């Protein structure tokens, strides 16, 4: 590879629920999306922890998992995005593919169902493989 390192950019959104940071959604330029839940959110007593998904009650270890996907977001986030004609219009407006869900999520901001909000974190560039 000509001795040059490839560089991959990373964008991230801090996910907030009732002013509590519940996790971070990272998007790599190669299309990988990674959702990790915040350790401080996990440390909250279950009775006072804002409910993100019913799955966290049905499967107690769910929040400890790292959720990875390509192009589309993990289903728990993907299901919050518009579908059909509205999704097509949004993707066309953003000049992205309808399956590049990170960008749809980033644009949606405070307009997601429920109380889920996000805050953009810094964009970074890192050498591939690091």
Protein backbone atom coordinates (compact mmCIF):
# COMPACT_ATOMS: atom_id res chain seq x y z
CA UNK A 1 0.00 0.00 0.00
CA UNK A 2 2.64 2.58 -0.96
CA UNK A 3 3.70 2.87 2.70
CA UNK A 4 0.80 5.25 3.38
CA UNK A 5 -1.75 4.62 6.08
CA UNK A 6 -5.41 4.80 5.25
CA UNK A 7 -7.35 7.17 7.45
CA UNK A 8 -10.89 6.52 8.57
CA UNK A 9 -13.10 9.25 9.99
CA UNK A 10 -15.29 8.68 13.02
CA UNK A 11 -18.40 10.65 13.95
CA UNK A 12 -20.29 10.17 17.17
CA UNK A 13 -23.54 11.11 18.85
CA UNK A 14 -24.10 11.11 22.61
CA UNK A 15 -27.57 9.67 23.19
CA UNK A 16 -29.60 11.39 25.90
CA UNK A 17 -32.82 10.26 27.59
CA UNK A 18 -34.42 12.64 30.13
CA UNK A 19 -31.11 14.59 30.33
CA UNK A 20 -29.23 11.36 31.17
CA UNK A 21 -26.49 10.28 28.77
CA UNK A 22 -27.35 6.67 28.04
CA UNK A 23 -24.72 5.87 25.44
CA UNK A 24 -22.69 6.79 22.38
CA UNK A 25 -23.42 5.94 18.77
CA UNK A 26 -20.22 5.95 16.69
CA UNK A 27 -20.15 5.88 12.89
CA UNK A 28 -17.01 4.97 10.95
CA UNK A 29 -16.54 6.17 7.37
CA UNK A 30 -16.43 2.53 6.22
CA UNK A 31 -20.08 2.22 7.24
CA UNK A 32 -19.78 0.51 10.63
CA UNK A 33 -22.06 1.78 13.41
CA UNK A 34 -21.35 0.94 17.06
CA UNK A 35 -23.71 1.63 19.96
CA UNK A 36 -22.29 1.38 23.48
CA UNK A 37 -24.14 2.21 26.66
CA UNK A 38 -22.65 4.67 29.14
CA UNK A 39 -21.17 3.06 32.30
CA UNK A 40 -22.75 5.78 34.47
CA UNK A 41 -26.17 4.97 32.98
CA UNK A 42 -25.59 1.27 33.64
CA UNK A 43 -24.58 2.03 37.24
CA UNK A 44 -27.90 3.74 38.02
CA UNK A 45 -30.27 1.68 40.16
CA UNK A 46 -32.81 0.02 37.87
CA UNK A 47 -35.67 1.82 39.61
CA UNK A 48 -34.22 5.25 38.74
CA UNK A 49 -32.61 4.39 35.37
CA UNK A 50 -34.62 5.90 32.46
CA UNK A 51 -36.08 3.07 30.37
CA UNK A 52 -34.53 3.05 26.90
CA UNK A 53 -36.12 -0.16 25.61
CA UNK A 54 -38.28 -2.93 27.04
CA UNK A 55 -35.57 -5.35 25.96
CA UNK A 56 -33.37 -4.11 28.82
CA UNK A 57 -36.00 -5.44 31.26
CA UNK A 58 -36.60 -8.72 29.41
CA UNK A 59 -32.87 -9.44 28.93
CA UNK A 60 -30.89 -8.04 31.91
CA UNK A 61 -27.52 -8.18 30.09
CA UNK A 62 -28.76 -6.28 27.04
CA UNK A 63 -27.27 -2.92 28.04
CA UNK A 64 -23.83 -4.45 28.60
CA UNK A 65 -23.65 -5.50 24.93
CA UNK A 66 -21.87 -3.52 22.24
CA UNK A 67 -24.32 -3.31 19.33
CA UNK A 68 -22.61 -3.23 15.92
CA UNK A 69 -24.08 -2.98 12.46
CA UNK A 70 -23.15 -1.88 8.94
CA UNK A 71 -24.90 0.99 7.12
CA UNK A 72 -28.13 0.60 9.11
CA UNK A 73 -28.23 1.29 12.83
CA UNK A 74 -28.87 -1.36 15.46
CA UNK A 75 -32.63 -2.14 15.36
CA UNK A 76 -33.37 -0.36 18.65
CA UNK A 77 -32.37 2.93 16.93
CA UNK A 78 -33.29 2.08 13.34
CA UNK A 79 -36.91 1.58 14.37
CA UNK A 80 -37.11 5.22 15.50
CA UNK A 81 -36.41 6.57 12.01
CA UNK A 82 -39.04 7.43 9.40
CA UNK A 83 -39.95 4.86 6.77
CA UNK A 84 -41.23 4.84 3.21
CA UNK A 85 -41.63 8.08 1.31
CA UNK A 86 -40.55 10.24 4.25
CA UNK A 87 -37.29 8.30 4.60
CA UNK A 88 -36.67 8.54 0.84
CA UNK A 89 -37.31 12.28 0.88
CA UNK A 90 -35.03 12.77 3.89
CA UNK A 91 -32.20 10.71 2.37
CA UNK A 92 -32.51 12.59 -0.92
CA UNK A 93 -32.46 15.93 0.92
CA UNK A 94 -29.32 14.88 2.79
CA UNK A 95 -27.76 13.44 -0.39
CA UNK A 96 -27.23 10.04 1.22
CA UNK A 97 -28.56 6.51 0.72
CA UNK A 98 -31.73 5.52 2.58
CA UNK A 99 -29.76 2.79 4.39
CA UNK A 100 -27.08 5.21 5.70
CA UNK A 101 -29.06 5.58 8.89
CA UNK A 102 -26.43 7.35 10.98
CA UNK A 103 -26.90 10.49 8.89
CA UNK A 104 -30.69 10.24 9.13
CA UNK A 105 -30.39 9.90 12.91
CA UNK A 106 -27.93 12.81 13.12
CA UNK A 107 -30.31 15.03 11.18
CA UNK A 108 -33.38 14.01 13.22
CA UNK A 109 -31.90 15.45 16.42
CA UNK A 110 -34.70 16.25 18.85
CA UNK A 111 -37.38 15.06 16.43
CA UNK A 112 -37.14 11.38 17.34
CA UNK A 113 -40.04 9.49 18.95
CA UNK A 114 -40.08 9.41 22.73
CA UNK A 115 -37.63 11.44 24.78
CA UNK A 116 -34.47 10.30 22.99
CA UNK A 117 -32.23 13.16 21.95
CA UNK A 118 -28.63 13.32 20.83
CA UNK A 119 -25.71 15.67 21.01
CA UNK A 120 -22.95 15.66 18.41
CA UNK A 121 -19.52 14.76 19.68
CA UNK A 122 -16.30 15.75 17.93
CA UNK A 123 -15.49 14.22 14.57
CA UNK A 124 -12.13 12.43 14.55
CA UNK A 125 -9.83 10.85 12.01
CA UNK A 126 -7.82 7.77 12.91
CA UNK A 127 -5.56 5.37 11.03
CA UNK A 128 -7.35 2.18 10.01
CA UNK A 129 -6.71 -0.70 12.33
CA UNK A 130 -6.25 1.50 15.42
